[in-house]
């Protein structure tokens, strides 16, 4: 498909995104493997690009699936399904409206996908430690695709964490009910469960992505164009550095400080709870070994339900 991409860019008019008085980014299509999205400012341009694409397909004996193709132009109704005002189209896993803007249905889609995987994992015979690892690697990893691709506000990730905790409590007969949701996120060696935090994960990924785009925007014009559009839209991605600086009161190199700042904020939030702050005070005692005290969590072979019972007993000893 690369020859087609080069041919379209060299032969036909492109959509322009001005970056400065001297330069701009331009293209007339988006291509990922065999998924092609044609962009044009005029219907005549769209028609001739489509015609050339069909001719290329016929030469290489590649068929275009009309039923799975969509268009918002009447001129292309013979080559794709015409989208009406309320119709949506799924492009590379993202649900878009007829103007190619992601819809709110994506948030429900992400939540359902992750919940389905967590539900499935919770029904297995994995022990508590391996279950948390499986959730991190198989369920939470779904966020890797969407973070940065969709403009997702921080509140969405907080709601995700709450929903996950509800699933755990139902699955394990509420033996984890005494645990605040923050306890799931603490590492196993700190008497936590080692669950990846959707909130912290998104902050880290967005910050790294933003800094990477900033450092290479002069080399890759598409990244420069993305940064410009994001900035104009005042998206969460465009303001991630300011957001993190204000949230954690950080200055200087944010990447180096972020992980420690997140951990400190988590511990400070746990300290605000009457009973659970005793856990943190105990961990800070020089006579206490958090690693040895939590050996049964990260080295033991306990089922999730058994682990819940033991946590109930352990927390009772700490709190009372």
Protein backbone atom coordinates (compact mmCIF):
# COMPACT_ATOMS: atom_id res chain seq x y z
CA UNK A 1 0.00 0.00 0.00
CA UNK A 2 2.98 2.32 0.31
CA UNK A 3 3.18 2.81 -3.50
CA UNK A 4 -0.47 3.91 -3.46
CA UNK A 5 0.22 6.37 -0.65
CA UNK A 6 3.14 7.93 -2.53
CA UNK A 7 1.09 8.10 -5.72
CA UNK A 8 -1.87 9.84 -4.09
CA UNK A 9 0.33 12.40 -2.38
CA UNK A 10 2.25 13.18 -5.57
CA UNK A 11 -0.71 13.42 -7.96
CA UNK A 12 -3.66 15.02 -6.18
CA UNK A 13 -4.49 18.15 -4.13
CA UNK A 14 -4.06 17.90 -0.38
CA UNK A 15 -5.70 19.27 2.73
CA UNK A 16 -3.44 21.95 4.21
CA UNK A 17 -2.77 22.60 7.92
CA UNK A 18 -0.76 25.84 8.27
CA UNK A 19 2.00 25.60 10.88
CA UNK A 20 3.64 28.97 10.30
CA UNK A 21 4.07 31.56 7.57
CA UNK A 22 6.77 29.44 5.95
CA UNK A 23 5.56 25.86 6.38
CA UNK A 24 2.45 23.69 6.55
CA UNK A 25 1.52 20.04 6.80
CA UNK A 26 -0.52 18.56 3.96
CA UNK A 27 -1.97 15.20 3.03
CA UNK A 28 -4.93 13.75 1.17
CA UNK A 29 -5.26 10.44 3.00
CA UNK A 30 -4.52 8.43 6.12
CA UNK A 31 -3.23 4.89 5.70
CA UNK A 32 -2.66 2.11 8.22
CA UNK A 33 -1.88 -1.32 6.71
CA UNK A 34 -4.98 -1.81 4.53
CA UNK A 35 -7.26 0.82 6.11
CA UNK A 36 -7.44 3.93 3.93
CA UNK A 37 -9.21 7.20 4.73
CA UNK A 38 -9.35 9.71 1.87
CA UNK A 39 -9.37 13.44 2.74
CA UNK A 40 -10.41 16.18 0.32
CA UNK A 41 -11.71 19.75 0.44
CA UNK A 42 -13.77 19.36 -2.76
CA UNK A 43 -16.00 16.53 -3.93
CA UNK A 44 -14.32 16.55 -7.35
CA UNK A 45 -10.98 15.87 -5.68
CA UNK A 46 -12.53 13.08 -3.63
CA UNK A 47 -13.89 11.48 -6.78
CA UNK A 48 -10.64 11.44 -8.73
CA UNK A 49 -8.68 10.12 -5.72
CA UNK A 50 -11.26 7.36 -5.27
CA UNK A 51 -11.07 6.48 -8.96
CA UNK A 52 -7.28 6.23 -8.85
CA UNK A 53 -7.47 4.13 -5.68
CA UNK A 54 -9.91 1.69 -7.30
CA UNK A 55 -7.67 1.45 -10.36
CA UNK A 56 -4.68 0.66 -8.13
CA UNK A 57 -6.71 -1.99 -6.29
CA UNK A 58 -7.68 -3.68 -9.53
CA UNK A 59 -4.03 -3.86 -10.64
CA UNK A 60 -2.84 -5.50 -7.42
CA UNK A 61 -6.05 -7.58 -7.20
CA UNK A 62 -7.22 -6.09 -3.94
CA UNK A 63 -10.97 -5.80 -3.36
CA UNK A 64 -12.60 -2.85 -1.63
CA UNK A 65 -15.27 -3.84 0.89
CA UNK A 66 -18.09 -1.43 0.08
CA UNK A 67 -20.29 -2.61 2.97
CA UNK A 68 -17.57 -1.76 5.50
CA UNK A 69 -16.65 1.51 3.83
CA UNK A 70 -18.36 4.80 4.67
CA UNK A 71 -18.59 8.28 3.16
CA UNK A 72 -20.15 11.65 3.96
CA UNK A 73 -20.29 12.67 0.30
CA UNK A 74 -23.10 11.93 -2.16
CA UNK A 75 -20.57 11.66 -4.95
CA UNK A 76 -19.18 8.44 -3.45
CA UNK A 77 -22.42 6.56 -2.72
CA UNK A 78 -21.52 3.87 -5.27
CA UNK A 79 -18.26 3.13 -3.50
CA UNK A 80 -19.28 3.30 0.17
CA UNK A 81 -22.25 3.48 2.54
CA UNK A 82 -23.54 7.05 2.89
CA UNK A 83 -23.55 8.27 6.49
CA UNK A 84 -26.53 10.23 7.78
CA UNK A 85 -26.47 12.81 10.57
CA UNK A 86 -26.61 10.32 13.46
CA UNK A 87 -24.63 7.52 11.86
CA UNK A 88 -21.25 6.45 13.20
CA UNK A 89 -18.31 4.62 11.70
CA UNK A 90 -15.58 2.58 13.35
CA UNK A 91 -12.11 3.45 12.07
CA UNK A 92 -9.14 1.62 13.59
CA UNK A 93 -11.11 0.83 16.73
CA UNK A 94 -12.39 4.41 17.20
CA UNK A 95 -16.09 5.22 16.77
CA UNK A 96 -16.42 8.44 14.72
CA UNK A 97 -19.33 10.52 13.45
CA UNK A 98 -19.74 11.68 9.86
CA UNK A 99 -17.29 14.55 10.46
CA UNK A 100 -14.59 12.09 11.63
CA UNK A 101 -14.81 13.28 15.24
CA UNK A 102 -14.69 10.59 17.96
CA UNK A 103 -18.04 10.10 19.70
CA UNK A 104 -18.81 9.67 23.39
CA UNK A 105 -19.65 6.04 22.66
CA UNK A 106 -15.92 5.35 22.80
CA UNK A 107 -15.88 5.86 26.58
CA UNK A 108 -18.53 3.16 27.07
CA UNK A 109 -16.71 0.90 24.62
CA UNK A 110 -13.42 1.17 26.55
CA UNK A 111 -15.12 0.53 29.89
CA UNK A 112 -17.04 -2.50 28.59
CA UNK A 113 -13.94 -4.02 26.99
CA UNK A 114 -11.86 -3.73 30.16
CA UNK A 115 -14.73 -4.87 32.41
CA UNK A 116 -15.31 -7.91 30.19
CA UNK A 117 -11.67 -8.93 30.46
CA UNK A 118 -11.56 -8.39 34.23
CA UNK A 119 -14.77 -10.41 34.67
CA UNK A 120 -13.27 -13.23 32.64
CA UNK A 121 -10.00 -13.21 34.60
CA UNK A 122 -11.80 -13.14 37.94
CA UNK A 123 -13.57 -16.39 37.01
CA UNK A 124 -10.28 -18.23 36.49
CA UNK A 125 -8.30 -20.21 39.07
CA UNK A 126 -5.39 -17.78 39.09
CA UNK A 127 -3.97 -17.03 42.52
CA UNK A 128 -4.26 -13.50 43.88
CA UNK A 129 -0.81 -12.35 42.75
CA UNK A 130 -1.08 -13.74 39.22
CA UNK A 131 -4.61 -12.41 38.89
CA UNK A 132 -3.47 -8.84 39.52
CA UNK A 133 -0.63 -9.28 37.03
CA UNK A 134 -3.04 -10.69 34.46
CA UNK A 135 -5.40 -7.75 34.94
CA UNK A 136 -2.52 -5.32 34.45
CA UNK A 137 -1.20 -7.05 31.33
CA UNK A 138 -4.42 -8.24 29.68
CA UNK A 139 -7.14 -5.81 30.77
CA UNK A 140 -5.51 -2.53 31.77
CA UNK A 141 -3.19 -2.69 28.77
CA UNK A 142 -6.19 -1.87 26.56
CA UNK A 143 -5.77 1.72 27.71
CA UNK A 144 -2.39 1.85 25.97
CA UNK A 145 -4.14 2.15 22.60
CA UNK A 146 -6.61 4.86 23.54
CA UNK A 147 -4.49 7.13 25.77
CA UNK A 148 -3.30 9.98 23.55
CA UNK A 149 -5.53 8.89 20.68
CA UNK A 150 -8.74 10.12 22.31
CA UNK A 151 -9.20 13.30 24.31
CA UNK A 152 -10.03 11.63 27.63
CA UNK A 153 -10.43 13.77 30.73
CA UNK A 154 -8.83 12.70 34.06
CA UNK A 155 -12.24 12.14 35.65
CA UNK A 156 -12.86 9.22 33.29
CA UNK A 157 -9.89 7.29 34.66
CA UNK A 158 -11.00 7.89 38.25
CA UNK A 159 -14.40 6.40 37.43
CA UNK A 160 -12.68 3.39 35.89
CA UNK A 161 -10.83 2.69 39.14
CA UNK A 162 -14.09 2.83 41.10
CA UNK A 163 -15.75 0.41 38.70
CA UNK A 164 -12.86 -2.04 38.97
CA UNK A 165 -13.06 -2.05 42.76
CA UNK A 166 -16.77 -2.85 42.57
CA UNK A 167 -15.98 -5.87 40.39
CA UNK A 168 -13.35 -7.09 42.86
CA UNK A 169 -15.67 -6.78 45.85
CA UNK A 170 -18.43 -8.71 44.10
CA UNK A 171 -16.05 -11.41 42.85
CA UNK A 172 -14.30 -11.93 46.18
CA UNK A 173 -17.42 -11.79 48.39
CA UNK A 174 -16.54 -8.33 49.67
CA UNK A 175 -13.49 -9.53 51.62
CA UNK A 176 -11.68 -6.49 50.22
CA UNK A 177 -14.37 -4.08 51.39
CA UNK A 178 -12.20 -2.75 54.22
CA UNK A 179 -9.55 -1.75 51.72
CA UNK A 180 -9.77 1.71 50.24
CA UNK A 181 -9.34 1.78 46.47
CA UNK A 182 -5.88 3.31 46.92
CA UNK A 183 -4.66 0.10 48.61
CA UNK A 184 -5.04 -1.82 45.39
CA UNK A 185 -2.51 0.46 43.74
CA UNK A 186 0.24 0.22 46.37
CA UNK A 187 2.95 -2.25 45.41
CA UNK A 188 2.79 -5.74 46.85
CA UNK A 189 5.92 -5.07 48.91
CA UNK A 190 4.04 -2.23 50.63
CA UNK A 191 1.06 -4.43 51.59
CA UNK A 192 -0.82 -3.37 48.46
CA UNK A 193 -2.05 -5.46 45.54
CA UNK A 194 0.05 -3.98 42.73
CA UNK A 195 -2.87 -3.05 40.48
CA UNK A 196 -1.98 -0.55 37.76
CA UNK A 197 -3.70 2.80 38.27
CA UNK A 198 -5.57 3.98 35.18
CA UNK A 199 -5.23 7.55 36.43
CA UNK A 200 -1.46 7.43 36.99
CA UNK A 201 -0.90 5.37 33.85
CA UNK A 202 -2.63 7.97 31.68
CA UNK A 203 -0.66 10.84 33.22
CA UNK A 204 2.67 9.12 32.59
CA UNK A 205 1.84 8.08 29.03
CA UNK A 206 0.42 11.46 28.02
CA UNK A 207 3.39 13.33 29.46
CA UNK A 208 5.91 11.10 27.67
CA UNK A 209 3.97 11.34 24.41
CA UNK A 210 3.71 15.13 24.63
CA UNK A 211 7.42 15.55 25.36
CA UNK A 212 8.33 13.16 22.53
CA UNK A 213 6.19 15.11 20.06
CA UNK A 214 7.63 18.40 21.27
CA UNK A 215 11.21 17.20 20.80
CA UNK A 216 10.59 15.90 17.25
CA UNK A 217 8.07 18.39 15.87
CA UNK A 218 10.69 20.02 13.64
CA UNK A 219 11.55 16.66 12.08
CA UNK A 220 8.01 15.27 11.65
CA UNK A 221 5.54 17.85 10.35
CA UNK A 222 2.58 15.60 11.16
CA UNK A 223 3.50 15.74 14.85
CA UNK A 224 3.80 19.50 14.60
CA UNK A 225 0.32 19.62 13.06
CA UNK A 226 -1.10 17.38 15.80
CA UNK A 227 0.39 19.61 18.51
CA UNK A 228 -1.05 22.71 16.82
CA UNK A 229 -4.57 21.27 16.57
CA UNK A 230 -4.45 19.95 20.13
CA UNK A 231 -3.29 23.33 21.40
CA UNK A 232 -6.07 25.15 19.55
CA UNK A 233 -8.61 22.75 21.01
CA UNK A 234 -7.18 23.16 24.54
CA UNK A 235 -7.32 19.39 25.04
CA UNK A 236 -6.08 17.56 28.12
CA UNK A 237 -3.13 16.32 26.05
CA UNK A 238 -2.06 19.87 25.20
CA UNK A 239 -2.14 20.97 28.85
CA UNK A 240 -0.76 17.80 30.46
CA UNK A 241 2.47 19.45 31.65
CA UNK A 242 0.62 22.28 33.38
CA UNK A 243 -1.91 19.80 34.80
CA UNK A 244 0.78 17.58 36.34
CA UNK A 245 2.81 20.54 37.63
CA UNK A 246 -0.20 21.97 39.46
CA UNK A 247 -1.59 18.64 40.69
CA UNK A 248 1.68 17.49 42.27
CA UNK A 249 3.34 20.91 42.80
CA UNK A 250 6.32 19.99 40.62
CA UNK A 251 8.91 22.06 38.79
CA UNK A 252 11.74 21.15 36.45
CA UNK A 253 12.01 17.68 34.88
CA UNK A 254 8.53 16.23 35.33
CA UNK A 255 9.33 12.76 33.99
CA UNK A 256 11.95 12.10 36.67
CA UNK A 257 9.69 13.33 39.48
CA UNK A 258 6.29 12.02 38.42
CA UNK A 259 6.42 8.45 39.74
CA UNK A 260 7.61 9.52 43.20
CA UNK A 261 5.04 12.32 43.27
CA UNK A 262 2.22 9.91 42.43
CA UNK A 263 3.31 7.50 45.16
CA UNK A 264 3.56 10.31 47.72
CA UNK A 265 0.12 11.62 46.82
CA UNK A 266 -1.33 8.12 47.11
CA UNK A 267 0.16 7.58 50.56
CA UNK A 268 -0.98 11.01 51.75
CA UNK A 269 -4.53 10.22 50.65
CA UNK A 270 -4.46 6.95 52.58
CA UNK A 271 -3.22 8.82 55.67
CA UNK A 272 -6.40 10.90 55.70
CA UNK A 273 -8.40 7.78 56.65
CA UNK A 274 -8.56 7.07 60.36
CA UNK A 275 -7.78 3.35 60.26
CA UNK A 276 -5.70 3.05 57.13
CA UNK A 277 -3.23 5.70 58.21
CA UNK A 278 -2.08 3.21 60.86
CA UNK A 279 -0.85 1.03 58.02
CA UNK A 280 1.32 3.85 56.64
CA UNK A 281 2.64 4.74 60.10
CA UNK A 282 3.53 1.10 60.60
CA UNK A 283 5.38 0.95 57.31
CA UNK A 284 7.41 4.01 58.31
CA UNK A 285 8.53 2.37 61.56
CA UNK A 286 12.21 1.40 61.30
CA UNK A 287 11.52 -1.83 63.20
CA UNK A 288 8.97 -2.94 60.60
CA UNK A 289 10.00 -4.68 57.38
CA UNK A 290 7.29 -4.05 54.74
CA UNK A 291 8.99 -6.50 52.37
CA UNK A 292 8.97 -9.39 54.85
CA UNK A 293 5.54 -8.47 56.20
CA UNK A 294 4.06 -8.72 52.72
CA UNK A 295 6.00 -11.82 51.66
CA UNK A 296 2.83 -13.92 51.71
CA UNK A 297 1.22 -11.54 49.21
CA UNK A 298 3.83 -11.50 46.45
CA UNK A 299 5.34 -14.95 47.10
CA UNK A 300 2.38 -16.94 48.38
CA UNK A 301 0.09 -19.18 46.33
CA UNK A 302 -3.27 -18.03 47.67
CA UNK A 303 -6.46 -17.77 45.67
CA UNK A 304 -8.00 -14.33 45.33
CA UNK A 305 -10.69 -15.25 47.85
CA UNK A 306 -8.19 -16.67 50.34
CA UNK A 307 -6.05 -13.58 49.91
CA UNK A 308 -9.09 -11.45 50.66
CA UNK A 309 -9.69 -13.34 53.91
CA UNK A 310 -6.05 -13.01 54.94
CA UNK A 311 -6.10 -9.28 54.13
CA UNK A 312 -9.20 -8.96 56.29
CA UNK A 313 -7.36 -10.66 59.17
CA UNK A 314 -4.15 -8.70 58.63
CA UNK A 315 -5.92 -5.35 58.47
CA UNK A 316 -7.84 -6.25 61.61
CA UNK A 317 -4.57 -6.86 63.45
CA UNK A 318 -3.19 -3.53 62.24
CA UNK A 319 -6.29 -1.43 62.88
CA UNK A 320 -7.46 -2.90 66.16
